[in-house]
C-alpha cells in the first residue's frame, strides 16, 4: 500500500523508516549524502522541500508536503489496513480519522 507524497509521487508505507522536516542539519547532511550516492528521489517538482522520508533501503525521498501531513496519511492507511489500532497512531486525538 502506498501514500501520496505529492505531485504524483507515491511511497510504500511499509518501507518508510522515518519522516522528518527538511531544514535541520542532520537531514540536510543525509540529503547531501543520498544525492552523492544516487539514493535521492525528488518528488517536489521544484517546490520547496518541507519533509524528507527515509526508507528502509536507504533511499531518501523529498516531498513538498509537511511531515505532519505525511504522518497523518500513513496513520490513516495503517488503521484502514488494520495494521495498527487508532490509539497507537500519532494523531489519533488531533484529527478526525473518519474524514478523508
PDB file of N, CA and C in Angstrom:
ATOM      1  N   UNK A   1       0.845  -1.171   0.000  1.00  0.00           N
ATOM      2  CA  UNK A   1       0.000   0.000   0.000  1.00  0.00           C
ATOM      3  C   UNK A   1       0.895   1.240   0.000  1.00  0.00           C
ATOM      4  N   UNK A   2       0.415   2.258  -0.676  1.00  0.00           N
ATOM      5  CA  UNK A   2       1.204   3.459  -0.896  1.00  0.00           C
ATOM      6  C   UNK A   2       0.511   4.690  -0.336  1.00  0.00           C
ATOM      7  N   UNK A   3       1.319   5.699   0.009  1.00  0.00           N
ATOM      8  CA  UNK A   3       0.779   7.008   0.353  1.00  0.00           C
ATOM      9  C   UNK A   3       1.322   8.013  -0.651  1.00  0.00           C
ATOM     10  N   UNK A   4       0.513   9.017  -0.922  1.00  0.00           N
ATOM     11  CA  UNK A   4       0.925  10.084  -1.824  1.00  0.00           C
ATOM     12  C   UNK A   4       1.865  11.031  -1.081  1.00  0.00           C
ATOM     13  N   UNK A   5       2.988  11.343  -1.722  1.00  0.00           N
ATOM     14  CA  UNK A   5       3.934  12.305  -1.141  1.00  0.00           C
ATOM     15  C   UNK A   5       3.930  13.597  -1.949  1.00  0.00           C
ATOM     16  N   UNK A   6       2.943  13.733  -2.840  1.00  0.00           N
ATOM     17  CA  UNK A   6       2.759  14.955  -3.605  1.00  0.00           C
ATOM     18  C   UNK A   6       3.227  14.864  -5.035  1.00  0.00           C
ATOM     19  N   UNK A   7       2.529  15.599  -5.898  1.00  0.00           N
ATOM     20  CA  UNK A   7       2.885  15.742  -7.314  1.00  0.00           C
ATOM     21  C   UNK A   7       3.081  14.407  -8.026  1.00  0.00           C
ATOM     22  N   UNK A   8       2.198  13.473  -7.754  1.00  0.00           N
ATOM     23  CA  UNK A   8       2.228  12.190  -8.446  1.00  0.00           C
ATOM     24  C   UNK A   8       3.199  11.180  -7.876  1.00  0.00           C
ATOM     25  N   UNK A   9       3.863  11.501  -6.785  1.00  0.00           N
ATOM     26  CA  UNK A   9       4.797  10.571  -6.158  1.00  0.00           C
ATOM     27  C   UNK A   9       4.127   9.754  -5.067  1.00  0.00           C
ATOM     28  N   UNK A  10       4.454   8.475  -5.022  1.00  0.00           N
ATOM     29  CA  UNK A  10       3.905   7.574  -4.011  1.00  0.00           C
ATOM     30  C   UNK A  10       5.035   6.762  -3.395  1.00  0.00           C
ATOM     31  N   UNK A  11       4.909   6.472  -2.109  1.00  0.00           N
ATOM     32  CA  UNK A  11       5.902   5.683  -1.387  1.00  0.00           C
ATOM     33  C   UNK A  11       5.182   4.561  -0.646  1.00  0.00           C
ATOM     34  N   UNK A  12       5.772   3.378  -0.662  1.00  0.00           N
ATOM     35  CA  UNK A  12       5.197   2.242   0.066  1.00  0.00           C
ATOM     36  C   UNK A  12       5.256   2.521   1.557  1.00  0.00           C
ATOM     37  N   UNK A  13       4.113   2.483   2.198  1.00  0.00           N
ATOM     38  CA  UNK A  13       4.030   2.859   3.607  1.00  0.00           C
ATOM     39  C   UNK A  13       4.867   1.938   4.508  1.00  0.00           C
ATOM     40  N   UNK A  14       4.990   0.679   4.157  1.00  0.00           N
ATOM     41  CA  UNK A  14       5.753  -0.247   4.988  1.00  0.00           C
ATOM     42  C   UNK A  14       7.258  -0.147   4.756  1.00  0.00           C
ATOM     43  N   UNK A  15       7.694   0.672   3.798  1.00  0.00           N
ATOM     44  CA  UNK A  15       9.118   0.876   3.542  1.00  0.00           C
ATOM     45  C   UNK A  15       9.660   2.121   4.237  1.00  0.00           C
ATOM     46  N   UNK A  16       8.795   2.918   4.852  1.00  0.00           N
ATOM     47  CA  UNK A  16       9.219   4.162   5.497  1.00  0.00           C
ATOM     48  C   UNK A  16       9.812   3.865   6.870  1.00  0.00           C
ATOM     49  N   UNK A  17      11.045   4.349   7.086  1.00  0.00           N
ATOM     50  CA  UNK A  17      11.684   4.224   8.399  1.00  0.00           C
ATOM     51  C   UNK A  17      11.412   5.450   9.259  1.00  0.00           C
ATOM     52  N   UNK A  18      11.470   6.638   8.632  1.00  0.00           N
ATOM     53  CA  UNK A  18      11.290   7.889   9.371  1.00  0.00           C
ATOM     54  C   UNK A  18      10.834   8.984   8.422  1.00  0.00           C
ATOM     55  N   UNK A  19      10.149   9.970   9.000  1.00  0.00           N
ATOM     56  CA  UNK A  19       9.746  11.164   8.265  1.00  0.00           C
ATOM     57  C   UNK A  19      10.205  12.349   9.090  1.00  0.00           C
ATOM     58  N   UNK A  20      10.931  13.268   8.461  1.00  0.00           N
ATOM     59  CA  UNK A  20      11.450  14.413   9.196  1.00  0.00           C
ATOM     60  C   UNK A  20      11.281  15.710   8.427  1.00  0.00           C
ATOM     61  N   UNK A  21      11.532  16.810   9.127  1.00  0.00           N
ATOM     62  CA  UNK A  21      11.494  18.111   8.468  1.00  0.00           C
ATOM     63  C   UNK A  21      12.809  18.322   7.742  1.00  0.00           C
ATOM     64  N   UNK A  22      12.779  19.167   6.749  1.00  0.00           N
ATOM     65  CA  UNK A  22      13.919  19.258   5.839  1.00  0.00           C
ATOM     66  C   UNK A  22      14.980  20.273   6.229  1.00  0.00           C
ATOM     67  N   UNK A  23      14.740  21.095   7.238  1.00  0.00           N
ATOM     68  CA  UNK A  23      15.678  22.188   7.491  1.00  0.00           C
ATOM     69  C   UNK A  23      16.604  21.989   8.692  1.00  0.00           C
ATOM     70  N   UNK A  24      16.746  20.767   9.160  1.00  0.00           N
ATOM     71  CA  UNK A  24      17.691  20.525  10.253  1.00  0.00           C
ATOM     72  C   UNK A  24      19.035  20.068   9.687  1.00  0.00           C
ATOM     73  N   UNK A  25      20.083  20.294  10.426  1.00  0.00           N
ATOM     74  CA  UNK A  25      21.427  19.924   9.959  1.00  0.00           C
ATOM     75  C   UNK A  25      21.563  18.428   9.666  1.00  0.00           C
ATOM     76  N   UNK A  26      21.056  17.539  10.527  1.00  0.00           N
ATOM     77  CA  UNK A  26      21.197  16.104  10.218  1.00  0.00           C
ATOM     78  C   UNK A  26      20.464  15.676   8.944  1.00  0.00           C
ATOM     79  N   UNK A  27      19.265  16.228   8.707  1.00  0.00           N
ATOM     80  CA  UNK A  27      18.548  15.844   7.493  1.00  0.00           C
ATOM     81  C   UNK A  27      19.206  16.435   6.256  1.00  0.00           C
ATOM     82  N   UNK A  28      19.770  17.630   6.383  1.00  0.00           N
ATOM     83  CA  UNK A  28      20.489  18.214   5.245  1.00  0.00           C
ATOM     84  C   UNK A  28      21.720  17.381   4.898  1.00  0.00           C
ATOM     85  N   UNK A  29      22.420  16.918   5.916  1.00  0.00           N
ATOM     86  CA  UNK A  29      23.611  16.080   5.681  1.00  0.00           C
ATOM     87  C   UNK A  29      23.218  14.762   5.039  1.00  0.00           C
ATOM     88  N   UNK A  30      22.154  14.156   5.515  1.00  0.00           N
ATOM     89  CA  UNK A  30      21.681  12.887   4.946  1.00  0.00           C
ATOM     90  C   UNK A  30      21.229  13.058   3.502  1.00  0.00           C
ATOM     91  N   UNK A  31      20.601  14.207   3.234  1.00  0.00           N
ATOM     92  CA  UNK A  31      20.157  14.520   1.876  1.00  0.00           C
ATOM     93  C   UNK A  31      21.357  14.651   0.924  1.00  0.00           C
ATOM     94  N   UNK A  32      22.383  15.364   1.345  1.00  0.00           N
ATOM     95  CA  UNK A  32      23.587  15.517   0.525  1.00  0.00           C
ATOM     96  C   UNK A  32      24.247  14.169   0.267  1.00  0.00           C
ATOM     97  N   UNK A  33      24.310  13.350   1.314  1.00  0.00           N
ATOM     98  CA  UNK A  33      24.922  12.024   1.193  1.00  0.00           C
ATOM     99  C   UNK A  33      24.132  11.145   0.224  1.00  0.00           C
ATOM    100  N   UNK A  34      22.803  11.177   0.325  1.00  0.00           N
ATOM    101  CA  UNK A  34      21.957  10.376  -0.566  1.00  0.00           C
ATOM    102  C   UNK A  34      22.106  10.843  -2.012  1.00  0.00           C
ATOM    103  N   UNK A  35      22.195  12.142  -2.219  1.00  0.00           N
ATOM    104  CA  UNK A  35      22.368  12.658  -3.576  1.00  0.00           C
ATOM    105  C   UNK A  35      23.698  12.201  -4.167  1.00  0.00           C
ATOM    106  N   UNK A  36      24.741  12.259  -3.355  1.00  0.00           N
ATOM    107  CA  UNK A  36      26.071  11.853  -3.807  1.00  0.00           C
ATOM    108  C   UNK A  36      26.104  10.372  -4.174  1.00  0.00           C
ATOM    109  N   UNK A  37      25.375   9.545  -3.417  1.00  0.00           N
ATOM    110  CA  UNK A  37      25.371   8.099  -3.647  1.00  0.00           C
ATOM    111  C   UNK A  37      24.304   7.640  -4.647  1.00  0.00           C
ATOM    112  N   UNK A  38      23.468   8.563  -5.112  1.00  0.00           N
ATOM    113  CA  UNK A  38      22.433   8.196  -6.075  1.00  0.00           C
ATOM    114  C   UNK A  38      21.180   7.616  -5.456  1.00  0.00           C
ATOM    115  N   UNK A  39      20.940   7.884  -4.173  1.00  0.00           N
ATOM    116  CA  UNK A  39      19.778   7.354  -3.467  1.00  0.00           C
ATOM    117  C   UNK A  39      18.703   8.409  -3.201  1.00  0.00           C
ATOM    118  N   UNK A  40      18.802   9.568  -3.848  1.00  0.00           N
ATOM    119  CA  UNK A  40      17.860  10.656  -3.604  1.00  0.00           C
ATOM    120  C   UNK A  40      16.748  10.638  -4.650  1.00  0.00           C
ATOM    121  N   UNK A  41      15.512  10.685  -4.171  1.00  0.00           N
ATOM    122  CA  UNK A  41      14.335  10.756  -5.048  1.00  0.00           C
ATOM    123  C   UNK A  41      13.608  12.052  -4.716  1.00  0.00           C
ATOM    124  N   UNK A  42      13.441  12.907  -5.714  1.00  0.00           N
ATOM    125  CA  UNK A  42      12.839  14.225  -5.501  1.00  0.00           C
ATOM    126  C   UNK A  42      11.444  14.261  -6.118  1.00  0.00           C
ATOM    127  N   UNK A  43      10.413  14.359  -5.253  1.00  0.00           N
ATOM    128  CA  UNK A  43       9.028  14.467  -5.707  1.00  0.00           C
ATOM    129  C   UNK A  43       8.467  15.871  -5.488  1.00  0.00           C
ATOM    130  N   UNK A  44       9.327  16.882  -5.415  1.00  0.00           N
ATOM    131  CA  UNK A  44       8.862  18.243  -5.146  1.00  0.00           C
ATOM    132  C   UNK A  44       8.465  19.012  -6.404  1.00  0.00           C
ATOM    133  N   UNK A  45       8.941  18.578  -7.562  1.00  0.00           N
ATOM    134  CA  UNK A  45       8.702  19.266  -8.837  1.00  0.00           C
ATOM    135  C   UNK A  45       9.052  20.746  -8.754  1.00  0.00           C
ATOM    136  N   UNK A  46      10.160  21.045  -8.079  1.00  0.00           N
ATOM    137  CA  UNK A  46      10.653  22.415  -7.993  1.00  0.00           C
ATOM    138  C   UNK A  46      10.072  23.247  -6.865  1.00  0.00           C
ATOM    139  N   UNK A  47       9.130  22.698  -6.133  1.00  0.00           N
ATOM    140  CA  UNK A  47       8.552  23.412  -4.995  1.00  0.00           C
ATOM    141  C   UNK A  47       9.466  23.246  -3.776  1.00  0.00           C
ATOM    142  N   UNK A  48       9.313  24.092  -2.766  1.00  0.00           N
ATOM    143  CA  UNK A  48      10.173  23.965  -1.574  1.00  0.00           C
ATOM    144  C   UNK A  48      10.018  22.598  -0.904  1.00  0.00           C
ATOM    145  N   UNK A  49      11.126  22.041  -0.459  1.00  0.00           N
ATOM    146  CA  UNK A  49      11.106  20.767   0.263  1.00  0.00           C
ATOM    147  C   UNK A  49      10.693  21.028   1.697  1.00  0.00           C
ATOM    148  N   UNK A  50       9.609  20.385   2.134  1.00  0.00           N
ATOM    149  CA  UNK A  50       9.125  20.570   3.504  1.00  0.00           C
ATOM    150  C   UNK A  50       9.373  19.347   4.376  1.00  0.00           C
ATOM    151  N   UNK A  51       9.546  18.198   3.740  1.00  0.00           N
ATOM    152  CA  UNK A  51       9.803  16.998   4.536  1.00  0.00           C
ATOM    153  C   UNK A  51      10.681  16.024   3.765  1.00  0.00           C
ATOM    154  N   UNK A  52      11.310  15.150   4.537  1.00  0.00           N
ATOM    155  CA  UNK A  52      12.182  14.123   3.979  1.00  0.00           C
ATOM    156  C   UNK A  52      11.757  12.784   4.553  1.00  0.00           C
ATOM    157  N   UNK A  53      11.600  11.809   3.674  1.00  0.00           N
ATOM    158  CA  UNK A  53      11.272  10.459   4.100  1.00  0.00           C
ATOM    159  C   UNK A  53      12.514   9.595   3.954  1.00  0.00           C
ATOM    160  N   UNK A  54      12.800   8.834   4.981  1.00  0.00           N
ATOM    161  CA  UNK A  54      13.925   7.909   4.965  1.00  0.00           C
ATOM    162  C   UNK A  54      13.356   6.502   4.829  1.00  0.00           C
ATOM    163  N   UNK A  55      13.784   5.796   3.790  1.00  0.00           N
ATOM    164  CA  UNK A  55      13.253   4.468   3.525  1.00  0.00           C
ATOM    165  C   UNK A  55      14.192   3.383   4.042  1.00  0.00           C
ATOM    166  N   UNK A  56      13.655   2.198   4.220  1.00  0.00           N
ATOM    167  CA  UNK A  56      14.432   1.076   4.753  1.00  0.00           C
ATOM    168  C   UNK A  56      15.570   0.663   3.837  1.00  0.00           C
ATOM    169  N   UNK A  57      15.447   0.931   2.540  1.00  0.00           N
ATOM    170  CA  UNK A  57      16.505   0.561   1.597  1.00  0.00           C
ATOM    171  C   UNK A  57      17.546   1.677   1.430  1.00  0.00           C
ATOM    172  N   UNK A  58      17.548   2.634   2.354  1.00  0.00           N
ATOM    173  CA  UNK A  58      18.495   3.752   2.417  1.00  0.00           C
ATOM    174  C   UNK A  58      18.232   4.847   1.399  1.00  0.00           C
ATOM    175  N   UNK A  59      17.143   4.768   0.651  1.00  0.00           N
ATOM    176  CA  UNK A  59      16.789   5.865  -0.234  1.00  0.00           C
ATOM    177  C   UNK A  59      16.198   6.998   0.588  1.00  0.00           C
ATOM    178  N   UNK A  60      16.364   8.214   0.077  1.00  0.00           N
ATOM    179  CA  UNK A  60      15.838   9.407   0.724  1.00  0.00           C
ATOM    180  C   UNK A  60      14.884  10.072  -0.260  1.00  0.00           C
ATOM    181  N   UNK A  61      13.662  10.359   0.204  1.00  0.00           N
ATOM    182  CA  UNK A  61      12.627  10.925  -0.653  1.00  0.00           C
ATOM    183  C   UNK A  61      12.306  12.341  -0.180  1.00  0.00           C
ATOM    184  N   UNK A  62      12.323  13.291  -1.111  1.00  0.00           N
ATOM    185  CA  UNK A  62      11.977  14.677  -0.813  1.00  0.00           C
ATOM    186  C   UNK A  62      10.519  14.924  -1.173  1.00  0.00           C
ATOM    187  N   UNK A  63       9.816  15.632  -0.298  1.00  0.00           N
ATOM    188  CA  UNK A  63       8.413  15.954  -0.528  1.00  0.00           C
ATOM    189  C   UNK A  63       8.168  17.416  -0.198  1.00  0.00           C
ATOM    190  N   UNK A  64       7.225  18.019  -0.924  1.00  0.00           N
ATOM    191  CA  UNK A  64       6.852  19.400  -0.630  1.00  0.00           C
ATOM    192  C   UNK A  64       5.713  19.470   0.384  1.00  0.00           C
ATOM    193  N   UNK A  65       5.238  18.321   0.841  1.00  0.00           N
ATOM    194  CA  UNK A  65       4.193  18.275   1.867  1.00  0.00           C
ATOM    195  C   UNK A  65       4.822  18.331   3.257  1.00  0.00           C
ATOM    196  N   UNK A  66       4.066  18.835   4.222  1.00  0.00           N
ATOM    197  CA  UNK A  66       4.546  18.877   5.601  1.00  0.00           C
ATOM    198  C   UNK A  66       4.645  17.464   6.153  1.00  0.00           C
ATOM    199  N   UNK A  67       5.588  17.267   7.058  1.00  0.00           N
ATOM    200  CA  UNK A  67       5.764  15.943   7.655  1.00  0.00           C
ATOM    201  C   UNK A  67       4.514  15.505   8.409  1.00  0.00           C
ATOM    202  N   UNK A  68       3.807  16.446   9.031  1.00  0.00           N
ATOM    203  CA  UNK A  68       2.577  16.115   9.748  1.00  0.00           C
ATOM    204  C   UNK A  68       1.524  15.541   8.799  1.00  0.00           C
ATOM    205  N   UNK A  69       1.452  16.087   7.586  1.00  0.00           N
ATOM    206  CA  UNK A  69       0.507  15.589   6.591  1.00  0.00           C
ATOM    207  C   UNK A  69       0.846  14.165   6.188  1.00  0.00           C
ATOM    208  N   UNK A  70       2.129  13.909   5.975  1.00  0.00           N
ATOM    209  CA  UNK A  70       2.550  12.561   5.573  1.00  0.00           C
ATOM    210  C   UNK A  70       2.314  11.546   6.686  1.00  0.00           C
ATOM    211  N   UNK A  71       2.599  11.922   7.924  1.00  0.00           N
ATOM    212  CA  UNK A  71       2.363  11.015   9.053  1.00  0.00           C
ATOM    213  C   UNK A  71       0.872  10.729   9.188  1.00  0.00           C
ATOM    214  N   UNK A  72       0.051  11.751   9.036  1.00  0.00           N
ATOM    215  CA  UNK A  72      -1.393  11.563   9.119  1.00  0.00           C
ATOM    216  C   UNK A  72      -1.892  10.616   8.030  1.00  0.00           C
ATOM    217  N   UNK A  73      -1.380  10.765   6.815  1.00  0.00           N
ATOM    218  CA  UNK A  73      -1.772   9.874   5.718  1.00  0.00           C
ATOM    219  C   UNK A  73      -1.338   8.435   5.996  1.00  0.00           C
ATOM    220  N   UNK A  74      -0.129   8.271   6.510  1.00  0.00           N
ATOM    221  CA  UNK A  74       0.357   6.927   6.828  1.00  0.00           C
ATOM    222  C   UNK A  74      -0.481   6.307   7.941  1.00  0.00           C
ATOM    223  N   UNK A  75      -0.786   7.089   8.971  1.00  0.00           N
ATOM    224  CA  UNK A  75      -1.611   6.594  10.075  1.00  0.00           C
ATOM    225  C   UNK A  75      -2.984   6.138   9.585  1.00  0.00           C
ATOM    226  N   UNK A  76      -3.615   6.964   8.753  1.00  0.00           N
ATOM    227  CA  UNK A  76      -4.945   6.612   8.231  1.00  0.00           C
ATOM    228  C   UNK A  76      -4.905   5.309   7.447  1.00  0.00           C
ATOM    229  N   UNK A  77      -3.882   5.146   6.627  1.00  0.00           N
ATOM    230  CA  UNK A  77      -3.771   3.926   5.827  1.00  0.00           C
ATOM    231  C   UNK A  77      -3.517   2.706   6.705  1.00  0.00           C
ATOM    232  N   UNK A  78      -2.653   2.853   7.687  1.00  0.00           N
ATOM    233  CA  UNK A  78      -2.354   1.732   8.574  1.00  0.00           C
ATOM    234  C   UNK A  78      -3.582   1.316   9.386  1.00  0.00           C
ATOM    235  N   UNK A  79      -4.378   2.284   9.801  1.00  0.00           N
ATOM    236  CA  UNK A  79      -5.614   1.978  10.524  1.00  0.00           C
ATOM    237  C   UNK A  79      -6.591   1.259   9.596  1.00  0.00           C
ATOM    238  N   UNK A  80      -6.695   1.764   8.369  1.00  0.00           N
ATOM    239  CA  UNK A  80      -7.610   1.162   7.390  1.00  0.00           C
ATOM    240  C   UNK A  80      -7.219  -0.284   7.096  1.00  0.00           C
ATOM    241  N   UNK A  81      -5.931  -0.556   7.060  1.00  0.00           N
ATOM    242  CA  UNK A  81      -5.441  -1.906   6.806  1.00  0.00           C
ATOM    243  C   UNK A  81      -5.523  -2.807   8.033  1.00  0.00           C
ATOM    244  N   UNK A  82      -5.770  -2.202   9.201  1.00  0.00           N
ATOM    245  CA  UNK A  82      -5.808  -2.973  10.433  1.00  0.00           C
ATOM    246  C   UNK A  82      -4.423  -3.294  10.969  1.00  0.00           C
ATOM    247  N   UNK A  83      -3.394  -2.608  10.448  1.00  0.00           N
ATOM    248  CA  UNK A  83      -2.022  -2.861  10.893  1.00  0.00           C
ATOM    249  C   UNK A  83      -1.761  -2.295  12.279  1.00  0.00           C
ATOM    250  N   UNK A  84      -2.473  -1.240  12.642  1.00  0.00           N
ATOM    251  CA  UNK A  84      -2.377  -0.644  13.980  1.00  0.00           C
ATOM    252  C   UNK A  84      -3.774  -0.241  14.412  1.00  0.00           C
ATOM    253  N   UNK A  85      -3.965  -0.061  15.707  1.00  0.00           N
ATOM    254  CA  UNK A  85      -5.253   0.433  16.158  1.00  0.00           C
ATOM    255  C   UNK A  85      -5.192   1.955  16.283  1.00  0.00           C
ATOM    256  N   UNK A  86      -6.343   2.559  16.392  1.00  0.00           N
ATOM    257  CA  UNK A  86      -6.454   4.021  16.393  1.00  0.00           C
ATOM    258  C   UNK A  86      -5.631   4.657  17.511  1.00  0.00           C
ATOM    259  N   UNK A  87      -5.581   4.056  18.678  1.00  0.00           N
ATOM    260  CA  UNK A  87      -4.878   4.627  19.818  1.00  0.00           C
ATOM    261  C   UNK A  87      -3.353   4.580  19.657  1.00  0.00           C
ATOM    262  N   UNK A  88      -2.855   3.742  18.755  1.00  0.00           N
ATOM    263  CA  UNK A  88      -1.410   3.602  18.565  1.00  0.00           C
ATOM    264  C   UNK A  88      -0.843   4.630  17.604  1.00  0.00           C
ATOM    265  N   UNK A  89      -1.697   5.397  16.964  1.00  0.00           N
ATOM    266  CA  UNK A  89      -1.215   6.363  15.983  1.00  0.00           C
ATOM    267  C   UNK A  89      -0.882   7.684  16.634  1.00  0.00           C
ATOM    268  N   UNK A  90      -0.056   8.450  15.962  1.00  0.00           N
ATOM    269  CA  UNK A  90       0.437   9.714  16.492  1.00  0.00           C
ATOM    270  C   UNK A  90      -0.654  10.767  16.580  1.00  0.00           C
ATOM    271  N   UNK A  91      -1.573  10.776  15.633  1.00  0.00           N
ATOM    272  CA  UNK A  91      -2.563  11.849  15.542  1.00  0.00           C
ATOM    273  C   UNK A  91      -3.968  11.434  15.942  1.00  0.00           C
ATOM    274  N   UNK A  92      -4.125  10.367  16.703  1.00  0.00           N
ATOM    275  CA  UNK A  92      -5.477   9.867  16.963  1.00  0.00           C
ATOM    276  C   UNK A  92      -6.346  10.868  17.702  1.00  0.00           C
ATOM    277  N   UNK A  93      -5.777  11.758  18.507  1.00  0.00           N
ATOM    278  CA  UNK A  93      -6.596  12.712  19.247  1.00  0.00           C
ATOM    279  C   UNK A  93      -6.582  14.112  18.634  1.00  0.00           C
ATOM    280  N   UNK A  94      -5.815  14.328  17.555  1.00  0.00           N
ATOM    281  CA  UNK A  94      -5.741  15.663  16.963  1.00  0.00           C
ATOM    282  C   UNK A  94      -6.603  15.807  15.721  1.00  0.00           C
ATOM    283  N   UNK A  95      -6.782  14.738  14.978  1.00  0.00           N
ATOM    284  CA  UNK A  95      -7.515  14.808  13.726  1.00  0.00           C
ATOM    285  C   UNK A  95      -8.605  13.761  13.691  1.00  0.00           C
ATOM    286  N   UNK A  96      -9.655  14.061  12.966  1.00  0.00           N
ATOM    287  CA  UNK A  96     -10.707  13.089  12.756  1.00  0.00           C
ATOM    288  C   UNK A  96     -10.271  12.112  11.666  1.00  0.00           C
ATOM    289  N   UNK A  97     -10.134  10.863  12.007  1.00  0.00           N
ATOM    290  CA  UNK A  97      -9.675   9.871  11.051  1.00  0.00           C
ATOM    291  C   UNK A  97     -10.789   9.390  10.132  1.00  0.00           C
ATOM    292  N   UNK A  98     -12.029   9.726  10.461  1.00  0.00           N
ATOM    293  CA  UNK A  98     -13.137   9.304   9.613  1.00  0.00           C
ATOM    294  C   UNK A  98     -13.209  10.146   8.351  1.00  0.00           C
ATOM    295  N   UNK A  99     -12.751  11.403   8.404  1.00  0.00           N
ATOM    296  CA  UNK A  99     -12.785  12.283   7.239  1.00  0.00           C
ATOM    297  C   UNK A  99     -11.643  11.929   6.313  1.00  0.00           C
ATOM    298  N   UNK A 100     -11.925  11.880   5.020  1.00  0.00           N
ATOM    299  CA  UNK A 100     -10.860  11.553   4.069  1.00  0.00           C
ATOM    300  C   UNK A 100     -10.796  12.568   2.983  1.00  0.00           C
TER     301      UNK A 100
END
